[in-house]
C-alpha atoms as a PDB file:
ATOM      1  CA  MET A   1     -11.628  -7.399  14.433  1.00  0.00           C
ATOM      2  CA  MET A   2      -9.846  -4.855  12.567  1.00  0.00           C
ATOM      3  CA  LEU A   3      -7.293  -3.445  14.945  1.00  0.00           C
ATOM      4  CA  LYS A   4      -6.307  -7.955  15.664  1.00  0.00           C
ATOM      5  CA  GLU A   5      -5.996  -8.189  12.627  1.00  0.00           C
ATOM      6  CA  ALA A   6      -3.289  -5.303  11.908  1.00  0.00           C
ATOM      7  CA  LEU A   7      -1.282  -5.897  15.064  1.00  0.00           C
ATOM      8  CA  SER A   8      -1.072  -9.646  13.800  1.00  0.00           C
ATOM      9  CA  ALA A   9       0.936  -8.044  10.994  1.00  0.00           C
ATOM     10  CA  ALA A  10       3.980  -9.137  12.555  1.00  0.00           C
ATOM     11  CA  GLU A  11       3.305 -12.527  12.793  1.00  0.00           C
ATOM     12  CA  CYS A  12       2.401 -12.703   9.303  1.00  0.00           C
ATOM     13  CA  VAL A  13       4.910 -11.250   7.799  1.00  0.00           C
ATOM     14  CA  ALA A  14       7.044 -13.598  10.032  1.00  0.00           C
ATOM     15  CA  LEU A  15       5.108 -16.777   8.283  1.00  0.00           C
ATOM     16  CA  GLN A  16       5.366 -15.134   4.671  1.00  0.00           C
ATOM     17  CA  LEU A  17       9.172 -14.559   5.394  1.00  0.00           C
ATOM     18  CA  ALA A  18       9.993 -18.336   6.381  1.00  0.00           C
ATOM     19  CA  ASN A  19       7.769 -19.816   3.528  1.00  0.00           C
ATOM     20  CA  ASP A  20       8.740 -19.671  -0.206  1.00  0.00           C
ATOM     21  CA  ALA A  21      12.121 -17.993  -0.398  1.00  0.00           C
ATOM     22  CA  GLU A  22      13.230 -20.665  -3.207  1.00  0.00           C
ATOM     23  CA  ARG A  23       9.934 -19.922  -5.242  1.00  0.00           C
ATOM     24  CA  TYR A  24      11.398 -15.823  -4.954  1.00  0.00           C
ATOM     25  CA  ALA A  25      14.594 -16.894  -5.816  1.00  0.00           C
ATOM     26  CA  GLU A  26      13.522 -18.615  -8.615  1.00  0.00           C
ATOM     27  CA  LEU A  27      11.209 -15.609  -9.892  1.00  0.00           C
ATOM     28  CA  GLY A  28      14.214 -13.442  -9.584  1.00  0.00           C
ATOM     29  CA  ARG A  29      16.245 -15.499 -11.759  1.00  0.00           C
ATOM     30  CA  LYS A  30      13.444 -15.286 -14.474  1.00  0.00           C
ATOM     31  CA  LEU A  31      12.611 -12.045 -13.860  1.00  0.00           C
ATOM     32  CA  ARG A  32      16.567 -10.651 -14.254  1.00  0.00           C
ATOM     33  CA  SER A  33      16.840 -13.145 -17.338  1.00  0.00           C
ATOM     34  CA  THR A  34      14.065 -11.484 -19.479  1.00  0.00           C
ATOM     35  CA  PRO A  35      14.309  -8.203 -21.088  1.00  0.00           C
ATOM     36  CA  TYR A  36      10.554  -6.422 -20.334  1.00  0.00           C
ATOM     37  CA  SER A  37       9.490  -3.962 -22.428  1.00  0.00           C
ATOM     38  CA  THR A  38       6.321  -3.554 -20.696  1.00  0.00           C
ATOM     39  CA  ALA A  39       5.652  -3.903 -17.294  1.00  0.00           C
ATOM     40  CA  LEU A  40       2.256  -3.494 -15.577  1.00  0.00           C
ATOM     41  CA  THR A  41      -0.049  -4.002 -12.230  1.00  0.00           C
ATOM     42  CA  VAL A  42      -3.581  -5.161 -11.740  1.00  0.00           C
ATOM     43  CA  ALA A  43      -5.289  -4.512  -8.747  1.00  0.00           C
ATOM     44  CA  ARG A  44      -8.474  -2.400  -7.392  1.00  0.00           C
ATOM     45  CA  GLY A  45      -9.009  -0.258  -4.028  1.00  0.00           C
ATOM     46  CA  SER A  46      -5.964  -1.140  -1.049  1.00  0.00           C
ATOM     47  CA  SER A  47      -4.351  -3.664  -3.656  1.00  0.00           C
ATOM     48  CA  ASP A  48      -3.880  -1.173  -6.034  1.00  0.00           C
ATOM     49  CA  HIS A  49      -2.447   0.887  -3.620  1.00  0.00           C
ATOM     50  CA  ALA A  50       0.524  -1.832  -2.506  1.00  0.00           C
ATOM     51  CA  CYS A  51       0.788  -1.992  -6.489  1.00  0.00           C
ATOM     52  CA  ASN A  52       1.770   1.823  -6.458  1.00  0.00           C
ATOM     53  CA  TYR A  53       4.436   0.784  -3.831  1.00  0.00           C
ATOM     54  CA  ILE A  54       5.660  -2.500  -6.055  1.00  0.00           C
ATOM     55  CA  ALA A  55       5.343  -0.151  -9.020  1.00  0.00           C
ATOM     56  CA  TYR A  56       7.827   2.603  -7.260  1.00  0.00           C
ATOM     57  CA  LEU A  57      10.412   0.207  -5.678  1.00  0.00           C
ATOM     58  CA  ILE A  58      10.775  -1.175  -9.573  1.00  0.00           C
ATOM     59  CA  MET A  59      11.007   1.769 -10.950  1.00  0.00           C
ATOM     60  CA  ALA A  60      13.528   3.346  -8.262  1.00  0.00           C
ATOM     61  CA  ARG A  61      15.920   0.467  -8.065  1.00  0.00           C
ATOM     62  CA  LEU A  62      15.393  -1.383 -11.482  1.00  0.00           C
ATOM     63  CA  GLY A  63      14.591   1.344 -13.844  1.00  0.00           C
ATOM     64  CA  ARG A  64      11.681  -0.298 -15.352  1.00  0.00           C
ATOM     65  CA  VAL A  65       8.848   1.705 -16.362  1.00  0.00           C
ATOM     66  CA  VAL A  66       5.709   0.364 -14.505  1.00  0.00           C
ATOM     67  CA  ALA A  67       1.588   1.515 -15.550  1.00  0.00           C
ATOM     68  CA  SER A  68      -1.195   0.631 -13.834  1.00  0.00           C
ATOM     69  CA  LEU A  69      -3.282  -1.151 -16.092  1.00  0.00           C
ATOM     70  CA  PRO A  70      -6.878   0.098 -16.655  1.00  0.00           C
ATOM     71  CA  MET A  71      -8.720  -3.398 -16.577  1.00  0.00           C
ATOM     72  CA  SER A  72     -11.947  -2.435 -18.653  1.00  0.00           C
ATOM     73  CA  LEU A  73      -9.348  -2.356 -21.497  1.00  0.00           C
ATOM     74  CA  VAL A  74      -9.336  -6.039 -21.014  1.00  0.00           C
ATOM     75  CA  THR A  75     -12.940  -6.995 -19.928  1.00  0.00           C
ATOM     76  CA  LEU A  76     -15.156  -4.789 -21.473  1.00  0.00           C
ATOM     77  CA  HIS A  77     -13.212  -3.089 -24.494  1.00  0.00           C
ATOM     78  CA  LYS A  78     -11.120  -5.899 -25.807  1.00  0.00           C
ATOM     79  CA  SER A  79      -8.303  -3.683 -26.828  1.00  0.00           C
ATOM     80  CA  PRO A  80      -5.707  -5.624 -28.841  1.00  0.00           C
ATOM     81  CA  LEU A  81      -3.295  -5.343 -26.266  1.00  0.00           C
ATOM     82  CA  ILE A  82       0.656  -5.877 -27.394  1.00  0.00           C
ATOM     83  CA  THR A  83       0.771  -8.820 -24.544  1.00  0.00           C
ATOM     84  CA  ARG A  84       5.052 -10.102 -25.714  1.00  0.00           C
ATOM     85  CA  ASP A  85       7.730  -9.404 -23.694  1.00  0.00           C
ATOM     86  CA  THR A  86       5.845  -7.925 -21.027  1.00  0.00           C
ATOM     87  CA  LEU A  87       5.884  -8.528 -17.114  1.00  0.00           C
ATOM     88  CA  THR A  88       1.946  -7.796 -15.242  1.00  0.00           C
ATOM     89  CA  ILE A  89       1.668  -8.458 -11.741  1.00  0.00           C
ATOM     90  CA  ALA A  90      -1.582  -8.761  -9.898  1.00  0.00           C
ATOM     91  CA  VAL A  91      -2.321  -7.931  -6.219  1.00  0.00           C
ATOM     92  CA  SER A  92      -5.326  -9.094  -4.482  1.00  0.00           C
ATOM     93  CA  GLN A  93      -6.179 -10.283  -1.475  1.00  0.00           C
ATOM     94  CA  SER A  94      -9.247 -12.893  -2.537  1.00  0.00           C
ATOM     95  CA  GLY A  95      -8.639 -13.465  -5.828  1.00  0.00           C
ATOM     96  CA  GLN A  96     -11.985 -13.492  -7.024  1.00  0.00           C
ATOM     97  CA  SER A  97     -12.644 -10.323  -8.837  1.00  0.00           C
ATOM     98  CA  PRO A  98     -13.688 -11.282 -12.601  1.00  0.00           C
ATOM     99  CA  ASP A  99     -11.804  -7.601 -13.639  1.00  0.00           C
ATOM    100  CA  VAL A 100      -8.594  -8.920 -11.576  1.00  0.00           C
ATOM    101  CA  VAL A 101      -8.390 -12.675 -13.248  1.00  0.00           C
ATOM    102  CA  GLU A 102      -9.545 -11.947 -17.050  1.00  0.00           C
ATOM    103  CA  PRO A 103      -6.412  -9.163 -17.712  1.00  0.00           C
ATOM    104  CA  ILE A 104      -3.987 -11.815 -16.223  1.00  0.00           C
ATOM    105  CA  ARG A 105      -5.444 -14.986 -17.885  1.00  0.00           C
ATOM    106  CA  TYR A 106      -5.346 -12.728 -21.230  1.00  0.00           C
ATOM    107  CA  PHE A 107      -1.777 -11.739 -20.582  1.00  0.00           C
ATOM    108  CA  ARG A 108      -0.384 -15.025 -19.449  1.00  0.00           C
ATOM    109  CA  ASP A 109      -2.249 -16.443 -22.677  1.00  0.00           C
ATOM    110  CA  GLY A 110      -0.350 -13.818 -25.129  1.00  0.00           C
ATOM    111  CA  GLY A 111       2.948 -14.985 -23.657  1.00  0.00           C
ATOM    112  CA  ALA A 112       4.207 -12.703 -20.461  1.00  0.00           C
ATOM    113  CA  THR A 113       4.958 -13.198 -17.749  1.00  0.00           C
ATOM    114  CA  THR A 114       2.087 -13.262 -15.126  1.00  0.00           C
ATOM    115  CA  VAL A 115       2.641 -12.671 -11.158  1.00  0.00           C
ATOM    116  CA  ALA A 116      -0.264 -13.326  -8.611  1.00  0.00           C
ATOM    117  CA  LEU A 117       0.657 -11.544  -4.972  1.00  0.00           C
ATOM    118  CA  VAL A 118      -2.267 -13.212  -3.474  1.00  0.00           C
ATOM    119  CA  ASN A 119      -3.633 -13.956   0.139  1.00  0.00           C
ATOM    120  CA  ASP A 120      -6.207 -17.004  -1.699  1.00  0.00           C
ATOM    121  CA  ILE A 121      -3.867 -19.520  -2.996  1.00  0.00           C
ATOM    122  CA  THR A 122      -6.878 -21.257  -4.174  1.00  0.00           C
ATOM    123  CA  SER A 123      -8.732 -18.768  -6.025  1.00  0.00           C
ATOM    124  CA  PRO A 124      -9.389 -18.001  -9.629  1.00  0.00           C
ATOM    125  CA  LEU A 125      -6.565 -15.430  -9.297  1.00  0.00           C
ATOM    126  CA  ALA A 126      -3.404 -18.186  -8.003  1.00  0.00           C
ATOM    127  CA  ALA A 127      -4.761 -20.032 -10.828  1.00  0.00           C
ATOM    128  CA  SER A 128      -4.513 -17.830 -13.572  1.00  0.00           C
ATOM    129  CA  ALA A 129      -1.473 -16.343 -13.422  1.00  0.00           C
ATOM    130  CA  GLU A 130       2.428 -18.459 -14.249  1.00  0.00           C
ATOM    131  CA  TRP A 131       3.763 -17.156 -10.683  1.00  0.00           C
ATOM    132  CA  ALA A 132       0.823 -17.774  -7.593  1.00  0.00           C
ATOM    133  CA  MET A 133       3.071 -16.495  -4.772  1.00  0.00           C
ATOM    134  CA  PRO A 134       0.256 -16.841  -1.858  1.00  0.00           C
ATOM    135  CA  LEU A 135       0.689 -13.489   1.148  1.00  0.00           C
ATOM    136  CA  HIS A 136       0.354 -16.039   3.822  1.00  0.00           C
ATOM    137  CA  ALA A 137      -2.172 -13.490   6.458  1.00  0.00           C
ATOM    138  CA  GLY A 138      -4.435 -15.725   6.564  1.00  0.00           C
ATOM    139  CA  LYS A 139      -8.148 -15.419   6.356  1.00  0.00           C
ATOM    140  CA  GLU A 140      -9.278 -11.527   7.280  1.00  0.00           C
ATOM    141  CA  GLN A 141     -12.545 -11.018   8.653  1.00  0.00           C
ATOM    142  CA  SER A 142     -12.580  -7.328   8.487  1.00  0.00           C
ATOM    143  CA  VAL A 143     -13.737  -5.434   5.555  1.00  0.00           C
ATOM    144  CA  ALA A 144     -11.394  -3.178   6.036  1.00  0.00           C
ATOM    145  CA  ALA A 145      -8.062  -4.518   4.532  1.00  0.00           C
ATOM    146  CA  THR A 146      -4.563  -4.463   6.907  1.00  0.00           C
ATOM    147  CA  LYS A 147      -2.585  -7.348   7.677  1.00  0.00           C
ATOM    148  CA  SER A 148      -3.035  -8.381   3.505  1.00  0.00           C
ATOM    149  CA  PHE A 149      -2.066  -5.243   2.607  1.00  0.00           C
ATOM    150  CA  ILE A 150       0.749  -4.986   4.785  1.00  0.00           C
ATOM    151  CA  THR A 151       1.764  -8.509   3.681  1.00  0.00           C
ATOM    152  CA  SER A 152       1.066  -7.349  -0.164  1.00  0.00           C
ATOM    153  CA  LEU A 153       3.955  -4.570   0.317  1.00  0.00           C
ATOM    154  CA  VAL A 154       5.774  -7.382   1.753  1.00  0.00           C
ATOM    155  CA  ALA A 155       5.213  -9.716  -0.832  1.00  0.00           C
ATOM    156  CA  GLY A 156       6.140  -6.644  -3.738  1.00  0.00           C
ATOM    157  CA  ALA A 157       9.646  -6.125  -1.575  1.00  0.00           C
ATOM    158  CA  ARG A 158      10.417  -9.101  -2.112  1.00  0.00           C
ATOM    159  CA  LEU A 159       9.968 -10.157  -5.682  1.00  0.00           C
ATOM    160  CA  VAL A 160      11.647  -6.698  -5.881  1.00  0.00           C
ATOM    161  CA  ALA A 161      15.076  -7.471  -3.879  1.00  0.00           C
ATOM    162  CA  HIS A 162      15.056 -11.698  -5.798  1.00  0.00           C
ATOM    163  CA  TRP A 163      14.813  -9.772  -8.691  1.00  0.00           C
ATOM    164  CA  GLN A 164      17.913  -7.341  -7.781  1.00  0.00           C
ATOM    165  CA  ASN A 165      19.483 -10.194  -6.057  1.00  0.00           C
ATOM    166  CA  ASP A 166      19.478  -7.571  -2.989  1.00  0.00           C
ATOM    167  CA  ALA A 167      20.957  -9.091  -0.001  1.00  0.00           C
ATOM    168  CA  ASP A 168      20.796  -6.007   1.766  1.00  0.00           C
ATOM    169  CA  LEU A 169      17.482  -5.585   0.978  1.00  0.00           C
ATOM    170  CA  LEU A 170      16.570  -9.310   1.896  1.00  0.00           C
ATOM    171  CA  ALA A 171      18.078  -8.856   4.980  1.00  0.00           C
ATOM    172  CA  ALA A 172      16.052  -5.478   6.083  1.00  0.00           C
ATOM    173  CA  LEU A 173      13.464  -7.510   5.079  1.00  0.00           C
ATOM    174  CA  ALA A 174      13.706 -10.248   7.611  1.00  0.00           C
ATOM    175  CA  ALA A 175      13.728  -7.212  10.173  1.00  0.00           C
ATOM    176  CA  LEU A 176      10.370  -6.499   9.764  1.00  0.00           C
ATOM    177  CA  PRO A 177       8.568  -8.486  11.912  1.00  0.00           C
ATOM    178  CA  GLU A 178      10.155  -6.795  14.629  1.00  0.00           C
ATOM    179  CA  SER A 179       9.958  -3.504  12.865  1.00  0.00           C
ATOM    180  CA  LEU A 180       6.222  -3.778  12.917  1.00  0.00           C
ATOM    181  CA  SER A 181       5.698  -5.270  16.336  1.00  0.00           C
ATOM    182  CA  GLN A 182       7.125  -2.003  17.704  1.00  0.00           C
ATOM    183  CA  ALA A 183       5.415   0.658  15.694  1.00  0.00           C
ATOM    184  CA  GLY A 184       1.632  -1.303  16.593  1.00  0.00           C
ATOM    185  CA  GLN A 185       2.693   0.205  19.983  1.00  0.00           C
ATOM    186  CA  LEU A 186       3.249   3.496  18.971  1.00  0.00           C
ATOM    187  CA  ASP A 187       0.800   6.590  20.487  1.00  0.00           C
ATOM    188  CA  TRP A 188      -0.873   8.300  17.611  1.00  0.00           C
ATOM    189  CA  SER A 189      -3.895   9.181  19.656  1.00  0.00           C
ATOM    190  CA  PRO A 190      -2.781  13.460  19.019  1.00  0.00           C
ATOM    191  CA  ALA A 191      -4.527  12.092  15.678  1.00  0.00           C
ATOM    192  CA  ILE A 192      -7.958  10.969  17.149  1.00  0.00           C
ATOM    193  CA  ASP A 193      -8.299  13.976  19.012  1.00  0.00           C
ATOM    194  CA  VAL A 194      -8.098  16.464  15.968  1.00  0.00           C
ATOM    195  CA  LEU A 195     -10.092  13.614  13.620  1.00  0.00           C
ATOM    196  CA  ALA A 196     -12.990  12.677  16.150  1.00  0.00           C
ATOM    197  CA  PRO A 197     -14.892  15.598  15.360  1.00  0.00           C
ATOM    198  CA  ALA A 198     -13.443  16.350  11.431  1.00  0.00           C
ATOM    199  CA  LYS A 199     -15.821  16.327   8.582  1.00  0.00           C
ATOM    200  CA  ASN A 200     -13.156  15.658   6.104  1.00  0.00           C
ATOM    201  CA  ILE A 201      -9.131  15.319   5.800  1.00  0.00           C
ATOM    202  CA  MET A 202      -5.997  15.782   3.101  1.00  0.00           C
ATOM    203  CA  VAL A 203      -3.300  13.178   3.170  1.00  0.00           C
ATOM    204  CA  VAL A 204      -0.607  14.267   1.777  1.00  0.00           C
ATOM    205  CA  GLY A 205       2.330  11.994   0.740  1.00  0.00           C
ATOM    206  CA  ARG A 206       5.578  12.111  -1.982  1.00  0.00           C
ATOM    207  CA  GLY A 207       7.207   9.519  -3.833  1.00  0.00           C
ATOM    208  CA  ILE A 208       7.603   5.810  -1.872  1.00  0.00           C
ATOM    209  CA  SER A 209       4.982   7.525   0.869  1.00  0.00           C
ATOM    210  CA  PHE A 210       2.849   8.414  -1.955  1.00  0.00           C
ATOM    211  CA  PRO A 211       0.898   4.693  -1.380  1.00  0.00           C
ATOM    212  CA  VAL A 212       0.543   5.071   2.288  1.00  0.00           C
ATOM    213  CA  ALA A 213      -1.286   8.118   1.747  1.00  0.00           C
ATOM    214  CA  LEU A 214      -3.530   6.533  -0.961  1.00  0.00           C
ATOM    215  CA  GLU A 215      -4.155   4.190   1.844  1.00  0.00           C
ATOM    216  CA  SER A 216      -4.517   5.840   4.831  1.00  0.00           C
ATOM    217  CA  ALA A 217      -7.231   8.206   2.838  1.00  0.00           C
ATOM    218  CA  LEU A 218      -9.388   4.800   1.674  1.00  0.00           C
ATOM    219  CA  LYS A 219      -9.148   3.896   5.105  1.00  0.00           C
ATOM    220  CA  PHE A 220     -10.124   7.441   6.562  1.00  0.00           C
ATOM    221  CA  LYS A 221     -13.274   6.925   4.145  1.00  0.00           C
ATOM    222  CA  GLU A 222     -14.298   3.371   4.768  1.00  0.00           C
ATOM    223  CA  THR A 223     -13.870   3.108   8.477  1.00  0.00           C
ATOM    224  CA  SER A 224     -14.660   6.156   9.866  1.00  0.00           C
ATOM    225  CA  ALA A 225     -17.330   8.030   7.079  1.00  0.00           C
ATOM    226  CA  LEU A 226     -14.686  11.086   7.037  1.00  0.00           C
ATOM    227  CA  GLN A 227     -14.481  12.535   3.386  1.00  0.00           C
ATOM    228  CA  ALA A 228     -10.579  12.592   2.868  1.00  0.00           C
ATOM    229  CA  GLU A 229      -8.815  12.741  -0.325  1.00  0.00           C
ATOM    230  CA  ALA A 230      -5.349  11.894  -1.455  1.00  0.00           C
ATOM    231  CA  PHE A 231      -2.881  13.970  -2.657  1.00  0.00           C
ATOM    232  CA  SER A 232       0.631  14.343  -3.345  1.00  0.00           C
ATOM    233  CA  GLY A 233       3.508  17.052  -1.640  1.00  0.00           C
ATOM    234  CA  ALA A 234       3.853  18.164  -5.127  1.00  0.00           C
ATOM    235  CA  GLU A 235       0.673  18.538  -5.907  1.00  0.00           C
ATOM    236  CA  ILE A 236      -1.194  19.984  -3.573  1.00  0.00           C
ATOM    237  CA  LYS A 237      -0.465  23.194  -4.666  1.00  0.00           C
ATOM    238  CA  HIS A 238      -1.598  23.154  -8.201  1.00  0.00           C
ATOM    239  CA  GLY A 239      -5.778  23.182  -7.098  1.00  0.00           C
ATOM    240  CA  PRO A 240      -6.312  21.540  -3.878  1.00  0.00           C
ATOM    241  CA  MET A 241      -4.643  24.428  -1.701  1.00  0.00           C
ATOM    242  CA  ALA A 242      -7.714  26.418  -2.181  1.00  0.00           C
ATOM    243  CA  LEU A 243      -9.867  23.956   0.135  1.00  0.00           C
ATOM    244  CA  ILE A 244      -7.247  24.916   3.131  1.00  0.00           C
ATOM    245  CA  GLU A 245      -8.677  26.816   5.720  1.00  0.00           C
ATOM    246  CA  GLU A 246      -8.417  27.222   9.198  1.00  0.00           C
ATOM    247  CA  GLY A 247      -8.276  24.109  11.405  1.00  0.00           C
ATOM    248  CA  TYR A 248      -8.645  22.326   7.892  1.00  0.00           C
ATOM    249  CA  PRO A 249      -7.390  18.740   8.868  1.00  0.00           C
ATOM    250  CA  LEU A 250      -4.111  17.834   7.172  1.00  0.00           C
ATOM    251  CA  LEU A 251      -1.803  14.471   7.442  1.00  0.00           C
ATOM    252  CA  ILE A 252       1.506  14.427   5.655  1.00  0.00           C
ATOM    253  CA  PHE A 253       3.346  11.286   6.074  1.00  0.00           C
ATOM    254  CA  ALA A 254       7.399  12.127   5.652  1.00  0.00           C
ATOM    255  CA  THR A 255       9.057   8.955   5.095  1.00  0.00           C
ATOM    256  CA  ARG A 256      12.736   9.371   5.062  1.00  0.00           C
ATOM    257  CA  GLY A 257      14.378   9.987   1.743  1.00  0.00           C
ATOM    258  CA  PRO A 258      14.713  13.015  -0.642  1.00  0.00           C
ATOM    259  CA  THR A 259      11.225  13.828  -0.642  1.00  0.00           C
ATOM    260  CA  GLN A 260      11.495  14.444   3.265  1.00  0.00           C
ATOM    261  CA  ALA A 261      12.498  18.033   2.981  1.00  0.00           C
ATOM    262  CA  GLY A 262      10.196  18.941   1.029  1.00  0.00           C
ATOM    263  CA  LEU A 263       6.869  17.499   2.654  1.00  0.00           C
ATOM    264  CA  LEU A 264       8.392  19.249   6.162  1.00  0.00           C
ATOM    265  CA  ALA A 265       8.544  22.684   3.925  1.00  0.00           C
ATOM    266  CA  LEU A 266       4.997  21.690   3.216  1.00  0.00           C
ATOM    267  CA  ALA A 267       3.207  21.106   6.795  1.00  0.00           C
ATOM    268  CA  ASP A 268       5.294  24.559   8.064  1.00  0.00           C
ATOM    269  CA  GLU A 269       3.434  26.435   5.525  1.00  0.00           C
ATOM    270  CA  MET A 270       0.323  24.883   5.418  1.00  0.00           C
ATOM    271  CA  ARG A 271       0.612  25.991   9.254  1.00  0.00           C
ATOM    272  CA  GLY A 272       1.190  29.082   8.196  1.00  0.00           C
ATOM    273  CA  ARG A 273      -2.282  29.158   6.150  1.00  0.00           C
ATOM    274  CA  GLY A 274      -4.071  27.753   9.064  1.00  0.00           C
ATOM    275  CA  ALA A 275      -4.656  24.470   8.271  1.00  0.00           C
ATOM    276  CA  ARG A 276      -4.514  21.547  11.376  1.00  0.00           C
ATOM    277  CA  VAL A 277      -1.592  20.136  10.196  1.00  0.00           C
ATOM    278  CA  LEU A 278      -0.423  16.575  11.518  1.00  0.00           C
ATOM    279  CA  LEU A 279       3.044  15.902  10.554  1.00  0.00           C
ATOM    280  CA  ALA A 280       4.113  11.813  11.155  1.00  0.00           C
ATOM    281  CA  ALA A 281       7.733  11.684  10.454  1.00  0.00           C
ATOM    282  CA  PRO A 282      10.676   9.797  12.283  1.00  0.00           C
ATOM    283  CA  ASP A 283      11.354  10.733  16.078  1.00  0.00           C
ATOM    284  CA  ASP A 284      14.865  12.814  14.370  1.00  0.00           C
ATOM    285  CA  VAL A 285      12.123  15.964  13.171  1.00  0.00           C
ATOM    286  CA  ALA A 286      11.677  17.593  16.193  1.00  0.00           C
ATOM    287  CA  GLN A 287       8.829  19.279  14.711  1.00  0.00           C
ATOM    288  CA  ARG A 288       6.902  16.195  14.002  1.00  0.00           C
ATOM    289  CA  ASP A 289       2.857  15.815  15.942  1.00  0.00           C
ATOM    290  CA  LEU A 290       2.949  12.134  15.260  1.00  0.00           C
ATOM    291  CA  THR A 291       6.188   9.343  15.156  1.00  0.00           C
ATOM    292  CA  LEU A 292       6.836   7.304  11.989  1.00  0.00           C
ATOM    293  CA  PRO A 293       8.452   4.085  13.211  1.00  0.00           C
ATOM    294  CA  VAL A 294      11.354   3.489  10.343  1.00  0.00           C
ATOM    295  CA  ALA A 295      12.575  -0.280   9.173  1.00  0.00           C
ATOM    296  CA  ALA A 296      15.618  -1.013   8.565  1.00  0.00           C
ATOM    297  CA  THR A 297      16.139   1.210   4.937  1.00  0.00           C
ATOM    298  CA  PRO A 298      14.362   3.957   3.991  1.00  0.00           C
ATOM    299  CA  ASP A 299      12.304   2.130   0.754  1.00  0.00           C
ATOM    300  CA  LEU A 300      10.117  -0.583   3.355  1.00  0.00           C
ATOM    301  CA  ASP A 301       9.601   2.446   5.773  1.00  0.00           C
ATOM    302  CA  PRO A 302       5.941   2.527   4.016  1.00  0.00           C
ATOM    303  CA  ILE A 303       5.074  -0.708   5.346  1.00  0.00           C
ATOM    304  CA  VAL A 304       6.137   0.173   9.345  1.00  0.00           C
ATOM    305  CA  ALA A 305       4.157   3.891   8.761  1.00  0.00           C
ATOM    306  CA  ILE A 306       0.872   2.058   7.504  1.00  0.00           C
ATOM    307  CA  GLN A 307       1.298  -0.473  10.385  1.00  0.00           C
ATOM    308  CA  ALA A 308       0.788   2.382  13.121  1.00  0.00           C
ATOM    309  CA  PHE A 309      -1.547   4.265  11.393  1.00  0.00           C
ATOM    310  CA  TYR A 310      -3.808   0.950  11.112  1.00  0.00           C
ATOM    311  CA  VAL A 311      -3.672   0.786  14.716  1.00  0.00           C
ATOM    312  CA  MET A 312      -4.968   4.740  14.840  1.00  0.00           C
ATOM    313  CA  ALA A 313      -7.662   4.529  12.099  1.00  0.00           C
ATOM    314  CA  ALA A 314      -9.519   1.521  14.800  1.00  0.00           C
ATOM    315  CA  LYS A 315      -9.534   3.279  17.324  1.00  0.00           C
ATOM    316  CA  LEU A 316     -10.861   6.858  15.314  1.00  0.00           C
ATOM    317  CA  SER A 317     -13.828   5.028  14.129  1.00  0.00           C
ATOM    318  CA  ALA A 318     -14.508   4.108  17.608  1.00  0.00           C
ATOM    319  CA  ALA A 319     -14.611   7.874  18.399  1.00  0.00           C
ATOM    320  CA  ARG A 320     -16.381   8.816  16.433  1.00  0.00           C
ATOM    321  CA  GLY A 321     -19.631   5.954  17.228  1.00  0.00           C
ATOM    322  CA  LEU A 322     -18.837   3.549  13.957  1.00  0.00           C
ATOM    323  CA  ASP A 323     -17.574   0.110  13.372  1.00  0.00           C
ATOM    324  CA  PRO A 324     -14.757  -0.414  11.585  1.00  0.00           C
ATOM    325  CA  ASP A 325     -15.479  -4.299  11.010  1.00  0.00           C
ATOM    326  CA  LYS A 326     -18.853  -3.594   9.711  1.00  0.00           C
ATOM    327  CA  PRO A 327     -18.741  -0.300   7.353  1.00  0.00           C
ATOM    328  CA  ARG A 328     -21.370   0.787   5.651  1.00  0.00           C
ATOM    329  CA  HIS A 329     -22.544  -0.698   2.231  1.00  0.00           C
ATOM    330  CA  LEU A 330     -19.289  -2.191   1.479  1.00  0.00           C
ATOM    331  CA  ASN A 331     -18.398  -6.208   1.817  1.00  0.00           C
ATOM    332  CA  LYS A 332     -15.392  -8.390   1.829  1.00  0.00           C
ATOM    333  CA  VAL A 333     -15.139  -9.809  -1.803  1.00  0.00           C
ATOM    334  CA  THR A 334     -16.120  -6.901  -4.326  1.00  0.00           C
ATOM    335  CA  LYS A 335     -16.469  -8.298  -7.742  1.00  0.00           C
ATOM    336  CA  THR A 336     -16.202  -6.066 -10.873  1.00  0.00           C
ATOM    337  CA  HIS A 337     -15.936  -6.171 -14.408  1.00  0.00           C
END
């Protein structure tokens, strides 16, 4: 089920892009006309990783500083947060968890602009936000989110493109279904050979690829019971490197852009320290171990990168004798306060 749903992402993205164009354009006009003093994201799990990507795009392209809201400030501490002139973006597959819904209600009641990128458009979250934008991923059966994560990234990129009124980014988004289809066909079996017997792994990214590292580490834990931690390439030398020993596996996502050179250098250094590096990079990087797909623009590369990863992750779970659709102790919908 996980593999099937991951491979359906291209179709889901095509459906999303074919819908709600005028609604996104209207939202873009609203965002351009409002001088936000604060921008916040509200999410848990994979959806929070999607928010990391969306926040990066907003900061890099629009210059607005974006923070992730600790939801307990609203749900448990009842803190008197200032909501005026605030943009609050929630991302969720189910739209059910109280600690995502309650902050959106709080900020909307306080006059903030609230946006929900949500798969279940009939959910409490969708009802609570001023702007409920459907992901169009369809019902997701596997506990491990795949197509809903990818459609969340696309919805966030659409929001940014319309906020900027950027025709080039919108055109690049239109090419994503084909790029995703191609990404799903890439052979990442060398990673399975390394990771099937592994006990732990570090996943490394930086900048726009860091959300992919976060999501990949979660999926390793969730579907393969593999102890995985994500680190920025800029942070790994501040302590995590002490864990590196002969044969220690590292998966490094070296997507295109200004952070790539440093990640390639890190891969070489870690190999020199005895690590078993799995360098995921585009096909113009000769020293790569895994080929990263690319999109029409580097800002969309994480979307196709995670598609290639998901296919490998589903197969890795089976190779480790597990069922990726039924992770231990986990449920599809998690409700926290």
